[in-house]
């Protein structure tokens, strides 16, 4: 059963035509009739679970939002990125390439997550943080402020990596 439909309200992002979504039923915090964000096709957002793209968020390319995940605000998820489980991606965040954000991970602010990055567990990436390359942020780790984690870095446990304001 479909939980949303594509409307005729469009937005062009980097030459791609995206369509606003509208809820066909109530689920999670979404009520029937609520307008969501923009996706390129139904291949970007699961009809299962409570996954939702809200606000002015956009999801396109081969990116996919699944499970009970939420992409909101002005977030942009594209490429082959995956946002799943109970993850939240919001504000002005960019998640792209082959990035994976899952578990109860939380990415907000103006953070940038790309490459083959994994953000999982209860990890957080916040502020103007940048995580790229093959980095893994997991468990209860936090990357925030103006920090940059790249390459084959692995941040886990209760570690905090931050820039400027620590």
Foldseek 3Di string as FASTA:
>chain_A
DAQKDFDPDWDADPNAIWTKIAGCADDDPDHHGDIAETERDCQAEDRDACEGHHDNEYEYENEHEEHNEYEYAPEYEYANEYEYHHEYHYHQEYEYHHEYEYADEYEDANEYEYECEYEYAPEYEEHDEYEYANEYEYHHEYEYHHHYHYHDHYHYDNHYHYPDPD
